[in-house]
Amino acid sequence: MIREASAGDAAELVWFKSSYSDGPDGNSCGEIAIAPRTVHVRDSKNLGGPRLAVTQGAWADFVTYASER
C-alpha cells in the first residue's frame, strides 16, 4: 500500500465500479480509479472516506488472487 499518492496521481481521478457489483440502492460496492503509477480504491457508500492506493503490480496480484477464489 502506498501511504501518499504521488503529485498528480490523485488530482483528477476517474472512478468506476463493476456493473456486476450493484446492490439494492445502486451504490453498494468498491470503486477504483487507475492512475499512471497507482490504482486507487474507495467505498462507493463513503466517497469522502478513506482510500487505498496500491501499485499496479499489487492490484494485478490482488485481482488474480480474488478471481481464483
PDB file of N, CA and C in Angstrom:
ATOM      1  N   MET A   1       0.848  -1.165   0.000  1.00  0.00           N
ATOM      2  CA  MET A   1       0.000   0.000   0.000  1.00  0.00           C
ATOM      3  C   MET A   1       0.895   1.229   0.000  1.00  0.00           C
ATOM      4  N   ILE A   2       0.454   2.244  -0.678  1.00  0.00           N
ATOM      5  CA  ILE A   2       1.205   3.489  -0.765  1.00  0.00           C
ATOM      6  C   ILE A   2       0.597   4.484   0.217  1.00  0.00           C
ATOM      7  N   ARG A   3       1.400   5.070   1.062  1.00  0.00           N
ATOM      8  CA  ARG A   3       0.884   5.989   2.074  1.00  0.00           C
ATOM      9  C   ARG A   3       0.507   7.350   1.500  1.00  0.00           C
ATOM     10  N   GLU A   4       1.235   7.838   0.528  1.00  0.00           N
ATOM     11  CA  GLU A   4       0.909   9.121  -0.090  1.00  0.00           C
ATOM     12  C   GLU A   4       0.910   8.960  -1.597  1.00  0.00           C
ATOM     13  N   ALA A   5      -0.129   9.466  -2.241  1.00  0.00           N
ATOM     14  CA  ALA A   5      -0.160   9.427  -3.699  1.00  0.00           C
ATOM     15  C   ALA A   5       0.871  10.407  -4.240  1.00  0.00           C
ATOM     16  N   SER A   6       1.479  10.038  -5.342  1.00  0.00           N
ATOM     17  CA  SER A   6       2.435  10.941  -5.975  1.00  0.00           C
ATOM     18  C   SER A   6       1.706  12.168  -6.496  1.00  0.00           C
ATOM     19  N   ALA A   7       2.386  13.278  -6.547  1.00  0.00           N
ATOM     20  CA  ALA A   7       1.788  14.510  -7.056  1.00  0.00           C
ATOM     21  C   ALA A   7       1.228  14.248  -8.440  1.00  0.00           C
ATOM     22  N   GLY A   8       0.003  14.649  -8.645  1.00  0.00           N
ATOM     23  CA  GLY A   8      -0.641  14.458  -9.934  1.00  0.00           C
ATOM     24  C   GLY A   8      -1.420  13.165 -10.040  1.00  0.00           C
ATOM     25  N   ASP A   9      -1.072  12.156  -9.254  1.00  0.00           N
ATOM     26  CA  ASP A   9      -1.789  10.887  -9.341  1.00  0.00           C
ATOM     27  C   ASP A   9      -3.233  10.987  -8.860  1.00  0.00           C
ATOM     28  N   ALA A  10      -3.471  11.692  -7.767  1.00  0.00           N
ATOM     29  CA  ALA A  10      -4.800  11.706  -7.162  1.00  0.00           C
ATOM     30  C   ALA A  10      -5.620  12.932  -7.530  1.00  0.00           C
ATOM     31  N   ALA A  11      -5.066  13.840  -8.300  1.00  0.00           N
ATOM     32  CA  ALA A  11      -5.733  15.111  -8.570  1.00  0.00           C
ATOM     33  C   ALA A  11      -7.036  14.953  -9.348  1.00  0.00           C
ATOM     34  N   GLU A  12      -7.017  14.246 -10.445  1.00  0.00           N
ATOM     35  CA  GLU A  12      -8.201  14.148 -11.300  1.00  0.00           C
ATOM     36  C   GLU A  12      -8.522  12.691 -11.603  1.00  0.00           C
ATOM     37  N   LEU A  13      -8.870  11.961 -10.589  1.00  0.00           N
ATOM     38  CA  LEU A  13      -9.173  10.545 -10.763  1.00  0.00           C
ATOM     39  C   LEU A  13     -10.557  10.360 -11.365  1.00  0.00           C
ATOM     40  N   VAL A  14     -10.690   9.372 -12.214  1.00  0.00           N
ATOM     41  CA  VAL A  14     -11.981   8.987 -12.774  1.00  0.00           C
ATOM     42  C   VAL A  14     -12.338   7.642 -12.154  1.00  0.00           C
ATOM     43  N   TRP A  15     -13.381   7.648 -11.327  1.00  0.00           N
ATOM     44  CA  TRP A  15     -13.764   6.459 -10.572  1.00  0.00           C
ATOM     45  C   TRP A  15     -14.780   5.638 -11.349  1.00  0.00           C
ATOM     46  N   PHE A  16     -14.682   4.312 -11.228  1.00  0.00           N
ATOM     47  CA  PHE A  16     -15.684   3.444 -11.824  1.00  0.00           C
ATOM     48  C   PHE A  16     -15.858   2.203 -10.972  1.00  0.00           C
ATOM     49  N   LYS A  17     -17.006   1.540 -11.178  1.00  0.00           N
ATOM     50  CA  LYS A  17     -17.295   0.313 -10.444  1.00  0.00           C
ATOM     51  C   LYS A  17     -17.832  -0.731 -11.413  1.00  0.00           C
ATOM     52  N   SER A  18     -17.772  -1.960 -11.011  1.00  0.00           N
ATOM     53  CA  SER A  18     -18.225  -3.060 -11.842  1.00  0.00           C
ATOM     54  C   SER A  18     -19.744  -3.066 -11.950  1.00  0.00           C
ATOM     55  N   SER A  19     -20.241  -3.368 -13.128  1.00  0.00           N
ATOM     56  CA  SER A  19     -21.689  -3.499 -13.307  1.00  0.00           C
ATOM     57  C   SER A  19     -22.211  -4.772 -12.633  1.00  0.00           C
ATOM     58  N   TYR A  20     -21.323  -5.681 -12.256  1.00  0.00           N
ATOM     59  CA  TYR A  20     -21.708  -6.907 -11.560  1.00  0.00           C
ATOM     60  C   TYR A  20     -21.864  -6.694 -10.060  1.00  0.00           C
ATOM     61  N   SER A  21     -21.538  -5.538  -9.571  1.00  0.00           N
ATOM     62  CA  SER A  21     -21.479  -5.291  -8.141  1.00  0.00           C
ATOM     63  C   SER A  21     -22.477  -4.212  -7.745  1.00  0.00           C
ATOM     64  N   ASP A  22     -23.751  -4.472  -7.997  1.00  0.00           N
ATOM     65  CA  ASP A  22     -24.783  -3.468  -7.757  1.00  0.00           C
ATOM     66  C   ASP A  22     -25.739  -3.953  -6.678  1.00  0.00           C
ATOM     67  N   GLY A  23     -25.873  -3.195  -5.604  1.00  0.00           N
ATOM     68  CA  GLY A  23     -26.770  -3.552  -4.518  1.00  0.00           C
ATOM     69  C   GLY A  23     -28.145  -2.950  -4.713  1.00  0.00           C
ATOM     70  N   PRO A  24     -29.029  -3.132  -3.739  1.00  0.00           N
ATOM     71  CA  PRO A  24     -30.399  -2.636  -3.853  1.00  0.00           C
ATOM     72  C   PRO A  24     -30.480  -1.115  -3.976  1.00  0.00           C
ATOM     73  N   ASP A  25     -29.511  -0.406  -3.421  1.00  0.00           N
ATOM     74  CA  ASP A  25     -29.543   1.055  -3.535  1.00  0.00           C
ATOM     75  C   ASP A  25     -28.699   1.555  -4.707  1.00  0.00           C
ATOM     76  N   GLY A  26     -28.122   0.640  -5.478  1.00  0.00           N
ATOM     77  CA  GLY A  26     -27.333   1.006  -6.641  1.00  0.00           C
ATOM     78  C   GLY A  26     -25.972   1.588  -6.320  1.00  0.00           C
ATOM     79  N   ASN A  27     -25.586   1.537  -5.060  1.00  0.00           N
ATOM     80  CA  ASN A  27     -24.336   2.180  -4.656  1.00  0.00           C
ATOM     81  C   ASN A  27     -23.642   1.358  -3.572  1.00  0.00           C
ATOM     82  N   SER A  28     -23.541   0.058  -3.792  1.00  0.00           N
ATOM     83  CA  SER A  28     -23.036  -0.828  -2.739  1.00  0.00           C
ATOM     84  C   SER A  28     -21.813  -1.622  -3.168  1.00  0.00           C
ATOM     85  N   CYS A  29     -20.763  -0.938  -3.504  1.00  0.00           N
ATOM     86  CA  CYS A  29     -19.568  -1.678  -3.881  1.00  0.00           C
ATOM     87  C   CYS A  29     -18.339  -0.785  -3.783  1.00  0.00           C
ATOM     88  N   GLY A  30     -17.226  -1.360  -4.106  1.00  0.00           N
ATOM     89  CA  GLY A  30     -15.998  -0.583  -4.170  1.00  0.00           C
ATOM     90  C   GLY A  30     -15.860   0.059  -5.533  1.00  0.00           C
ATOM     91  N   GLU A  31     -15.092   1.110  -5.598  1.00  0.00           N
ATOM     92  CA  GLU A  31     -14.792   1.780  -6.857  1.00  0.00           C
ATOM     93  C   GLU A  31     -13.282   1.865  -7.005  1.00  0.00           C
ATOM     94  N   ILE A  32     -12.814   1.856  -8.239  1.00  0.00           N
ATOM     95  CA  ILE A  32     -11.385   2.025  -8.474  1.00  0.00           C
ATOM     96  C   ILE A  32     -11.155   3.153  -9.466  1.00  0.00           C
ATOM     97  N   ALA A  33      -9.981   3.731  -9.367  1.00  0.00           N
ATOM     98  CA  ALA A  33      -9.518   4.740 -10.318  1.00  0.00           C
ATOM     99  C   ALA A  33      -8.071   4.394 -10.647  1.00  0.00           C
ATOM    100  N   ILE A  34      -7.761   4.376 -11.919  1.00  0.00           N
ATOM    101  CA  ILE A  34      -6.421   3.993 -12.353  1.00  0.00           C
ATOM    102  C   ILE A  34      -5.628   5.238 -12.720  1.00  0.00           C
ATOM    103  N   ALA A  35      -4.485   5.386 -12.093  1.00  0.00           N
ATOM    104  CA  ALA A  35      -3.560   6.486 -12.365  1.00  0.00           C
ATOM    105  C   ALA A  35      -2.307   5.884 -13.005  1.00  0.00           C
ATOM    106  N   PRO A  36      -1.414   6.714 -13.514  1.00  0.00           N
ATOM    107  CA  PRO A  36      -0.225   6.182 -14.194  1.00  0.00           C
ATOM    108  C   PRO A  36       0.601   5.198 -13.358  1.00  0.00           C
ATOM    109  N   ARG A  37       0.727   5.426 -12.063  1.00  0.00           N
ATOM    110  CA  ARG A  37       1.567   4.558 -11.236  1.00  0.00           C
ATOM    111  C   ARG A  37       0.804   3.808 -10.156  1.00  0.00           C
ATOM    112  N   THR A  38      -0.469   4.125  -9.961  1.00  0.00           N
ATOM    113  CA  THR A  38      -1.215   3.538  -8.851  1.00  0.00           C
ATOM    114  C   THR A  38      -2.647   3.201  -9.238  1.00  0.00           C
ATOM    115  N   VAL A  39      -3.251   2.333  -8.444  1.00  0.00           N
ATOM    116  CA  VAL A  39      -4.679   2.054  -8.516  1.00  0.00           C
ATOM    117  C   VAL A  39      -5.256   2.487  -7.180  1.00  0.00           C
ATOM    118  N   HIS A  40      -6.276   3.329  -7.222  1.00  0.00           N
ATOM    119  CA  HIS A  40      -6.915   3.857  -6.019  1.00  0.00           C
ATOM    120  C   HIS A  40      -8.231   3.113  -5.813  1.00  0.00           C
ATOM    121  N   VAL A  41      -8.540   2.791  -4.557  1.00  0.00           N
ATOM    122  CA  VAL A  41      -9.733   2.024  -4.215  1.00  0.00           C
ATOM    123  C   VAL A  41     -10.485   2.769  -3.122  1.00  0.00           C
ATOM    124  N   ARG A  42     -11.822   2.873  -3.271  1.00  0.00           N
ATOM    125  CA  ARG A  42     -12.650   3.514  -2.243  1.00  0.00           C
ATOM    126  C   ARG A  42     -13.995   2.805  -2.153  1.00  0.00           C
ATOM    127  N   ASP A  43     -14.721   3.079  -1.084  1.00  0.00           N
ATOM    128  CA  ASP A  43     -16.053   2.531  -0.842  1.00  0.00           C
ATOM    129  C   ASP A  43     -17.074   3.461  -1.489  1.00  0.00           C
ATOM    130  N   SER A  44     -17.929   2.936  -2.350  1.00  0.00           N
ATOM    131  CA  SER A  44     -18.906   3.773  -3.048  1.00  0.00           C
ATOM    132  C   SER A  44     -19.962   4.355  -2.111  1.00  0.00           C
ATOM    133  N   LYS A  45     -20.098   3.797  -0.910  1.00  0.00           N
ATOM    134  CA  LYS A  45     -21.055   4.336   0.056  1.00  0.00           C
ATOM    135  C   LYS A  45     -20.468   5.482   0.877  1.00  0.00           C
ATOM    136  N   ASN A  46     -19.159   5.693   0.762  1.00  0.00           N
ATOM    137  CA  ASN A  46     -18.479   6.721   1.550  1.00  0.00           C
ATOM    138  C   ASN A  46     -17.412   7.385   0.674  1.00  0.00           C
ATOM    139  N   LEU A  47     -17.861   8.168  -0.297  1.00  0.00           N
ATOM    140  CA  LEU A  47     -16.960   8.733  -1.300  1.00  0.00           C
ATOM    141  C   LEU A  47     -15.878   9.624  -0.708  1.00  0.00           C
ATOM    142  N   GLY A  48     -16.171  10.284   0.391  1.00  0.00           N
ATOM    143  CA  GLY A  48     -15.179  11.149   1.018  1.00  0.00           C
ATOM    144  C   GLY A  48     -14.340  10.450   2.063  1.00  0.00           C
ATOM    145  N   GLY A  49     -14.589   9.174   2.256  1.00  0.00           N
ATOM    146  CA  GLY A  49     -13.890   8.416   3.291  1.00  0.00           C
ATOM    147  C   GLY A  49     -12.496   7.996   2.875  1.00  0.00           C
ATOM    148  N   PRO A  50     -11.921   7.091   3.630  1.00  0.00           N
ATOM    149  CA  PRO A  50     -10.547   6.659   3.350  1.00  0.00           C
ATOM    150  C   PRO A  50     -10.442   5.941   2.007  1.00  0.00           C
ATOM    151  N   ARG A  51      -9.267   6.026   1.432  1.00  0.00           N
ATOM    152  CA  ARG A  51      -8.968   5.369   0.159  1.00  0.00           C
ATOM    153  C   ARG A  51      -7.685   4.567   0.305  1.00  0.00           C
ATOM    154  N   LEU A  52      -7.575   3.544  -0.487  1.00  0.00           N
ATOM    155  CA  LEU A  52      -6.323   2.801  -0.588  1.00  0.00           C
ATOM    156  C   LEU A  52      -5.674   3.168  -1.914  1.00  0.00           C
ATOM    157  N   ALA A  53      -4.369   3.236  -1.921  1.00  0.00           N
ATOM    158  CA  ALA A  53      -3.618   3.414  -3.160  1.00  0.00           C
ATOM    159  C   ALA A  53      -2.556   2.329  -3.190  1.00  0.00           C
ATOM    160  N   VAL A  54      -2.592   1.514  -4.231  1.00  0.00           N
ATOM    161  CA  VAL A  54      -1.644   0.410  -4.360  1.00  0.00           C
ATOM    162  C   VAL A  54      -0.963   0.501  -5.720  1.00  0.00           C
ATOM    163  N   THR A  55       0.191  -0.133  -5.820  1.00  0.00           N
ATOM    164  CA  THR A  55       0.869  -0.162  -7.113  1.00  0.00           C
ATOM    165  C   THR A  55       0.047  -0.998  -8.092  1.00  0.00           C
ATOM    166  N   GLN A  56       0.280  -0.786  -9.366  1.00  0.00           N
ATOM    167  CA  GLN A  56      -0.441  -1.572 -10.362  1.00  0.00           C
ATOM    168  C   GLN A  56      -0.100  -3.054 -10.248  1.00  0.00           C
ATOM    169  N   GLY A  57       1.132  -3.364  -9.876  1.00  0.00           N
ATOM    170  CA  GLY A  57       1.521  -4.758  -9.674  1.00  0.00           C
ATOM    171  C   GLY A  57       0.773  -5.401  -8.521  1.00  0.00           C
ATOM    172  N   ALA A  58       0.634  -4.667  -7.418  1.00  0.00           N
ATOM    173  CA  ALA A  58      -0.108  -5.185  -6.261  1.00  0.00           C
ATOM    174  C   ALA A  58      -1.577  -5.387  -6.617  1.00  0.00           C
ATOM    175  N   TRP A  59      -2.149  -4.470  -7.395  1.00  0.00           N
ATOM    176  CA  TRP A  59      -3.545  -4.598  -7.815  1.00  0.00           C
ATOM    177  C   TRP A  59      -3.716  -5.839  -8.699  1.00  0.00           C
ATOM    178  N   ALA A  60      -2.800  -6.039  -9.631  1.00  0.00           N
ATOM    179  CA  ALA A  60      -2.861  -7.209 -10.513  1.00  0.00           C
ATOM    180  C   ALA A  60      -2.781  -8.498  -9.698  1.00  0.00           C
ATOM    181  N   ASP A  61      -1.909  -8.526  -8.697  1.00  0.00           N
ATOM    182  CA  ASP A  61      -1.806  -9.700  -7.824  1.00  0.00           C
ATOM    183  C   ASP A  61      -3.109  -9.934  -7.071  1.00  0.00           C
ATOM    184  N   PHE A  62      -3.724  -8.863  -6.565  1.00  0.00           N
ATOM    185  CA  PHE A  62      -4.991  -8.979  -5.841  1.00  0.00           C
ATOM    186  C   PHE A  62      -6.090  -9.520  -6.753  1.00  0.00           C
ATOM    187  N   VAL A  63      -6.203  -8.983  -7.958  1.00  0.00           N
ATOM    188  CA  VAL A  63      -7.240  -9.427  -8.892  1.00  0.00           C
ATOM    189  C   VAL A  63      -7.048 -10.900  -9.233  1.00  0.00           C
ATOM    190  N   THR A  64      -5.816 -11.311  -9.467  1.00  0.00           N
ATOM    191  CA  THR A  64      -5.536 -12.722  -9.742  1.00  0.00           C
ATOM    192  C   THR A  64      -5.955 -13.586  -8.561  1.00  0.00           C
ATOM    193  N   TYR A  65      -5.567 -13.185  -7.356  1.00  0.00           N
ATOM    194  CA  TYR A  65      -5.921 -13.929  -6.143  1.00  0.00           C
ATOM    195  C   TYR A  65      -7.443 -14.015  -5.987  1.00  0.00           C
ATOM    196  N   ALA A  66      -8.137 -12.878  -6.124  1.00  0.00           N
ATOM    197  CA  ALA A  66      -9.588 -12.848  -5.926  1.00  0.00           C
ATOM    198  C   ALA A  66     -10.323 -13.675  -6.981  1.00  0.00           C
ATOM    199  N   SER A  67      -9.831 -13.675  -8.199  1.00  0.00           N
ATOM    200  CA  SER A  67     -10.514 -14.420  -9.263  1.00  0.00           C
ATOM    201  C   SER A  67     -10.368 -15.929  -9.100  1.00  0.00           C
ATOM    202  N   GLU A  68      -9.394 -16.351  -8.331  1.00  0.00           N
ATOM    203  CA  GLU A  68      -9.187 -17.780  -8.090  1.00  0.00           C
ATOM    204  C   GLU A  68      -9.996 -18.293  -6.905  1.00  0.00           C
ATOM    205  N   ARG A  69     -10.685 -17.430  -6.204  1.00  0.00           N
ATOM    206  CA  ARG A  69     -11.434 -17.826  -5.008  1.00  0.00           C
ATOM    207  C   ARG A  69     -12.885 -18.019  -5.311  1.00  0.00           C
TER     208      ARG A  69
END
